Amino acid sequence: MSTLTLDPQRGAFDAADSARSTLLFGVAIQVALLAPSLLAYGLDERLINGVSVWSKPVKFQLSLSLLLLTVVWLLPLLPPARRASRRVRRASLAIATAATLEIAYITLQAARGRASHYNADTPIETTLYAVMGVGATTIVAGAFVVGVAIWRTAPEPGRAGLRLGAAIGLTLGAVLTLITAGILSNGGEAGHWVGASRTDAGGLPLFGWSRTVGDLRVPHFFATHIMQALPLLGLAADRFAPRRARAAVWAGAGLSVLVVAATFV
C-alpha cells in the first residue's frame, strides 16, 4: 500500500514552475504560428496599407514571444513561494491567454486579407478591435503585476542591478506602453500616421515605420521594449560596474522616458 507524502516546499516549487510553464506554452503557440506566417509572407502577394498582409502577424508573433520570454527570464528573481503565489500565477496565465487570443485574431485577419487594427468596416470587426485593446491591456497589466512582485523582493547578492532593472522595466514599461497604445488606438481613421500618409510602403526596413510622416508606432516600440532594455542594462551593470549598478539602471530609466517622449515630437 503506497503512502502519499505531502511536501509543502515541493508544492511551492511545483506551483512556481507552473507559472513559467504557462508562459512557455504561450511562446510555443506564437512560434507555431510564426513558421506558416513566414511562409505566407513569402508567397502571398496581397497587401494592406502597401505592405504584405502577413507583415503584422509576423511582427506580433515575434514581439509577443519576446515579451513572454522576458517574463519567463525574470520570474526566477522571485523566491519560489512568491512565484507560486496566486497573484503571480494568475498574472502569468492572463499574459499567456491574452497573447494567444490576440495573435489568433491578428493571424486570422491576415489570412482573410483583412486589417486587424483600425478596422471599423463591420460591427464584428469594430467589436473585436476593442476586445484586442482589452487583451493588450491584460498583457501589460500582467507584466506590471510581476514587476511589482520583483520590487518587493530583496535582491540576491550581486544581482541588485538586474532586480532593479526588472522591477522598473516591467512596471515603467507597462505604464508607458499603455499610454502610447492608448494614443495609438485613438488614431481613428488616421491610424498610426501623423500626417497625410496612409501607406506603410517604403517604411524603415525591418520596423516598417514611415519615413515621410510621423509614426506613433515609434514611441510605442520604445515604451514596450523598456521591459527588455532595463533588465539587460542591470545585468550588464552587475557584471561590469556592480557598485554603480543601481545608479546605472535609474539613469537608463530616465533616458528611456526621454526617448519615448522625444519620439512623440
Protein backbone atom coordinates (compact mmCIF):
# COMPACT_ATOMS: atom_id res chain seq x y z
CA MET A 1 0.00 0.00 0.00
CA SER A 2 1.57 3.30 -1.07
CA THR A 3 1.61 6.39 1.07
CA LEU A 4 1.22 9.88 -0.36
CA THR A 5 3.56 12.36 1.27
CA LEU A 6 2.57 15.98 1.10
CA ASP A 7 5.61 18.25 0.91
CA PRO A 8 4.63 21.94 1.17
CA GLN A 9 8.06 23.07 -0.01
CA ARG A 10 7.93 20.78 -3.04
CA GLY A 11 4.43 22.04 -3.74
CA ALA A 12 5.68 25.62 -3.77
CA PHE A 13 8.37 24.70 -6.29
CA ASP A 14 5.82 22.92 -8.49
CA ALA A 15 3.45 25.88 -8.40
CA ALA A 16 6.31 28.25 -9.14
CA ASP A 17 7.30 26.18 -12.15
CA SER A 18 3.70 26.20 -13.37
CA ALA A 19 3.81 29.98 -13.89
CA ARG A 20 6.81 29.68 -16.18
CA SER A 21 5.36 26.63 -17.93
CA THR A 22 2.19 28.55 -18.72
CA LEU A 23 4.20 31.36 -20.30
CA LEU A 24 6.39 28.93 -22.24
CA PHE A 25 3.27 27.27 -23.62
CA GLY A 26 2.21 30.70 -24.82
CA VAL A 27 5.60 31.12 -26.51
CA ALA A 28 5.17 27.75 -28.22
CA ILE A 29 1.87 28.91 -29.73
CA GLN A 30 3.48 32.09 -31.06
CA VAL A 31 6.36 30.14 -32.61
CA ALA A 32 4.00 27.54 -34.07
CA LEU A 33 2.13 30.32 -35.88
CA LEU A 34 5.30 32.12 -36.92
CA ALA A 35 6.53 29.38 -39.27
CA PRO A 36 3.45 29.31 -41.55
CA SER A 37 3.16 33.10 -41.32
CA LEU A 38 6.71 33.50 -42.64
CA LEU A 39 5.92 31.08 -45.45
CA ALA A 40 2.77 33.00 -46.32
CA TYR A 41 4.72 36.26 -46.16
CA GLY A 42 6.92 35.00 -48.97
CA LEU A 43 4.11 33.55 -51.10
CA ASP A 44 1.03 35.72 -50.54
CA GLU A 45 1.01 38.85 -52.71
CA ARG A 46 -1.93 40.57 -51.01
CA LEU A 47 -1.24 43.95 -49.41
CA ILE A 48 -2.72 46.09 -46.65
CA ASN A 49 -1.57 49.71 -46.49
CA GLY A 50 1.10 48.95 -49.05
CA VAL A 51 2.77 46.04 -47.23
CA SER A 52 2.18 42.29 -47.02
CA VAL A 53 -0.93 41.20 -45.16
CA TRP A 54 1.40 38.91 -43.20
CA SER A 55 3.70 41.69 -42.02
CA LYS A 56 1.66 42.42 -38.90
CA PRO A 57 1.22 38.78 -37.76
CA VAL A 58 4.96 38.14 -38.11
CA LYS A 59 5.84 41.27 -36.13
CA PHE A 60 3.36 40.47 -33.38
CA GLN A 61 4.41 36.81 -33.18
CA LEU A 62 8.00 37.93 -32.66
CA SER A 63 7.11 40.74 -30.27
CA LEU A 64 4.76 38.67 -28.12
CA SER A 65 7.26 35.81 -28.00
CA LEU A 66 9.90 38.24 -26.74
CA LEU A 67 7.59 39.66 -24.09
CA LEU A 68 6.57 36.23 -22.83
CA LEU A 69 10.20 35.06 -22.76
CA THR A 70 11.17 38.21 -20.87
CA VAL A 71 8.74 37.38 -18.07
CA VAL A 72 9.94 33.75 -18.09
CA TRP A 73 13.52 35.01 -17.72
CA LEU A 74 12.72 37.41 -14.88
CA LEU A 75 10.38 35.23 -12.81
CA PRO A 76 13.27 33.38 -11.08
CA LEU A 77 14.17 36.69 -9.41
CA LEU A 78 11.21 35.86 -7.18
CA PRO A 79 11.62 33.21 -4.47
CA PRO A 80 9.66 30.01 -5.18
CA ALA A 81 6.96 30.81 -2.63
CA ARG A 82 6.26 34.18 -4.26
CA ARG A 83 6.35 32.71 -7.77
CA ALA A 84 3.83 30.17 -6.53
CA SER A 85 1.51 32.87 -5.20
CA ARG A 86 -1.94 33.02 -6.70
CA ARG A 87 -1.36 36.58 -7.89
CA VAL A 88 1.77 35.76 -9.90
CA ARG A 89 0.32 32.56 -11.34
CA ARG A 90 -2.86 34.36 -12.39
CA ALA A 91 -0.83 37.17 -13.93
CA SER A 92 1.19 34.63 -15.92
CA LEU A 93 -1.95 32.87 -17.08
CA ALA A 94 -3.54 36.19 -18.07
CA ILE A 95 -0.48 37.21 -20.09
CA ALA A 96 -0.28 33.89 -21.94
CA THR A 97 -4.02 33.67 -22.60
CA ALA A 98 -4.39 37.25 -23.82
CA ALA A 99 -1.32 36.93 -26.04
CA THR A 100 -2.73 33.75 -27.58
CA LEU A 101 -6.12 35.30 -28.30
CA GLU A 102 -4.52 38.46 -29.70
CA ILE A 103 -2.29 36.62 -32.14
CA ALA A 104 -5.07 34.23 -33.14
CA TYR A 105 -7.24 37.13 -34.28
CA ILE A 106 -4.38 39.03 -35.96
CA THR A 107 -3.35 35.90 -37.87
CA LEU A 108 -6.94 35.06 -38.83
CA GLN A 109 -7.49 38.55 -40.19
CA ALA A 110 -4.32 38.32 -42.26
CA ALA A 111 -5.48 35.02 -43.72
CA ARG A 112 -8.76 36.73 -44.66
CA GLY A 113 -6.90 39.65 -46.19
CA ARG A 114 -8.43 41.98 -43.62
CA ALA A 115 -6.85 44.51 -41.26
CA SER A 116 -6.90 43.65 -37.57
CA HIS A 117 -6.11 47.19 -36.39
CA TYR A 118 -8.06 50.40 -37.09
CA ASN A 119 -10.72 48.31 -38.78
CA ALA A 120 -14.27 49.52 -38.24
CA ASP A 121 -15.64 48.25 -41.56
CA THR A 122 -18.08 45.83 -39.93
CA PRO A 123 -19.72 45.68 -36.49
CA ILE A 124 -17.90 42.46 -35.58
CA GLU A 125 -14.51 43.85 -36.60
CA THR A 126 -15.18 47.05 -34.66
CA THR A 127 -16.05 44.99 -31.59
CA LEU A 128 -13.07 42.67 -31.91
CA TYR A 129 -10.69 45.60 -32.32
CA ALA A 130 -11.99 46.93 -29.00
CA VAL A 131 -11.56 43.46 -27.47
CA MET A 132 -7.97 43.47 -28.71
CA GLY A 133 -7.45 46.63 -26.69
CA VAL A 134 -8.64 44.81 -23.59
CA GLY A 135 -6.30 41.94 -24.40
CA ALA A 136 -3.30 44.22 -24.84
CA THR A 137 -4.11 45.91 -21.53
CA THR A 138 -4.30 42.49 -19.87
CA ILE A 139 -0.86 41.54 -21.17
CA VAL A 140 0.92 44.63 -19.89
CA ALA A 141 -1.07 44.62 -16.64
CA GLY A 142 0.15 41.08 -16.02
CA ALA A 143 3.73 42.20 -16.63
CA PHE A 144 3.16 45.09 -14.22
CA VAL A 145 2.00 42.67 -11.50
CA VAL A 146 5.17 40.60 -11.90
CA GLY A 147 7.24 43.79 -11.80
CA VAL A 148 5.62 44.88 -8.53
CA ALA A 149 6.33 41.45 -7.04
CA ILE A 150 10.00 41.84 -8.00
CA TRP A 151 10.04 45.32 -6.43
CA ARG A 152 9.01 43.71 -3.14
CA THR A 153 11.75 41.08 -3.26
CA ALA A 154 15.19 41.65 -1.77
CA PRO A 155 17.90 41.21 -4.43
CA GLU A 156 20.34 38.33 -4.27
CA PRO A 157 24.00 39.27 -3.76
CA GLY A 158 25.47 40.56 -7.00
CA ARG A 159 22.07 40.95 -8.72
CA ALA A 160 20.90 44.33 -7.47
CA GLY A 161 21.08 45.86 -10.95
CA LEU A 162 19.15 43.05 -12.59
CA ARG A 163 16.49 43.07 -9.89
CA LEU A 164 16.02 46.85 -10.12
CA GLY A 165 16.12 46.76 -13.93
CA ALA A 166 13.46 44.05 -13.96
CA ALA A 167 11.23 45.88 -11.47
CA ILE A 168 11.44 49.24 -13.22
CA GLY A 169 11.44 47.70 -16.69
CA LEU A 170 8.21 45.77 -16.20
CA THR A 171 6.36 48.49 -14.30
CA LEU A 172 7.54 51.58 -16.18
CA GLY A 173 7.41 49.72 -19.48
CA ALA A 174 3.83 48.65 -18.79
CA VAL A 175 2.70 52.17 -17.90
CA LEU A 176 4.34 53.81 -20.92
CA THR A 177 3.09 51.04 -23.19
CA LEU A 178 -0.48 51.66 -22.04
CA ILE A 179 -0.10 55.41 -22.57
CA THR A 180 1.34 55.08 -26.07
CA ALA A 181 -1.11 52.32 -27.00
CA GLY A 182 -3.99 54.48 -25.82
CA ILE A 183 -2.84 57.32 -28.05
CA LEU A 184 -2.39 54.89 -30.94
CA SER A 185 -5.86 53.40 -30.52
CA ASN A 186 -7.42 56.86 -30.60
CA GLY A 187 -5.96 57.48 -34.03
CA GLY A 188 -9.25 56.57 -35.71
CA GLU A 189 -9.11 56.71 -39.49
CA ALA A 190 -5.69 58.40 -39.33
CA GLY A 191 -4.28 55.19 -37.86
CA HIS A 192 -0.72 55.35 -36.58
CA TRP A 193 0.36 58.05 -39.04
CA VAL A 194 0.82 61.69 -38.07
CA GLY A 195 0.36 63.47 -41.36
CA ALA A 196 -1.23 62.78 -44.70
CA SER A 197 0.25 59.35 -45.44
CA ARG A 198 -2.00 56.29 -45.42
CA THR A 199 0.59 53.75 -46.51
CA ASP A 200 3.41 51.77 -44.93
CA ALA A 201 5.09 51.23 -48.30
CA GLY A 202 8.71 52.36 -48.27
CA GLY A 203 8.87 52.26 -44.49
CA LEU A 204 12.03 51.81 -42.45
CA PRO A 205 13.44 48.32 -43.13
CA LEU A 206 12.57 45.68 -40.52
CA PHE A 207 10.35 48.05 -38.49
CA GLY A 208 8.18 49.44 -41.27
CA TRP A 209 7.95 52.89 -39.69
CA SER A 210 7.03 55.71 -42.03
CA ARG A 211 9.95 57.77 -43.33
CA THR A 212 7.76 60.51 -44.78
CA VAL A 213 5.41 61.46 -41.91
CA GLY A 214 5.24 60.98 -38.16
CA ASP A 215 4.56 57.46 -36.91
CA LEU A 216 3.12 56.77 -33.45
CA ARG A 217 4.46 53.22 -33.54
CA VAL A 218 7.94 54.58 -32.80
CA PRO A 219 7.30 55.74 -29.21
CA HIS A 220 5.13 52.66 -28.65
CA PHE A 221 8.05 50.44 -29.68
CA PHE A 222 10.49 52.15 -27.31
CA ALA A 223 7.96 52.09 -24.47
CA THR A 224 7.28 48.38 -24.84
CA HIS A 225 10.92 47.35 -25.07
CA ILE A 226 11.86 49.12 -21.87
CA MET A 227 10.79 45.75 -20.42
CA GLN A 228 13.86 44.18 -22.00
CA ALA A 229 16.28 47.11 -22.11
CA LEU A 230 16.40 47.91 -18.39
CA PRO A 231 16.86 44.32 -17.16
CA LEU A 232 19.66 43.87 -19.71
CA LEU A 233 21.23 47.14 -18.55
CA GLY A 234 21.01 45.97 -14.95
CA LEU A 235 22.55 42.62 -15.85
CA ALA A 236 25.46 44.33 -17.62
CA ALA A 237 25.94 46.77 -14.74
CA ASP A 238 26.06 43.92 -12.21
CA ARG A 239 28.81 42.34 -14.29
CA PHE A 240 30.95 45.35 -15.15
CA ALA A 241 30.12 48.05 -12.57
CA PRO A 242 28.42 46.41 -9.59
CA ARG A 243 28.89 49.38 -7.26
CA ARG A 244 27.08 51.63 -9.71
CA ALA A 245 24.53 49.11 -10.95
CA ARG A 246 21.50 50.73 -9.34
CA ALA A 247 22.54 54.21 -10.45
CA ALA A 248 23.02 52.94 -14.00
CA VAL A 249 19.52 51.45 -14.04
CA TRP A 250 17.93 54.63 -12.73
CA ALA A 251 19.80 56.64 -15.34
CA GLY A 252 18.64 54.21 -18.01
CA ALA A 253 15.05 54.56 -16.81
CA GLY A 254 15.24 58.33 -17.06
CA LEU A 255 16.75 58.13 -20.53
CA SER A 256 14.02 55.71 -21.60
CA VAL A 257 11.29 58.15 -20.61
CA LEU A 258 13.05 60.93 -22.52
CA VAL A 259 13.35 58.75 -25.64
CA VAL A 260 9.66 57.84 -25.56
CA ALA A 261 8.69 61.48 -25.05
CA ALA A 262 11.07 62.72 -27.73
CA THR A 263 9.75 60.34 -30.37
CA PHE A 264 6.29 61.86 -29.96
CA VAL A 265 7.67 65.19 -31.17
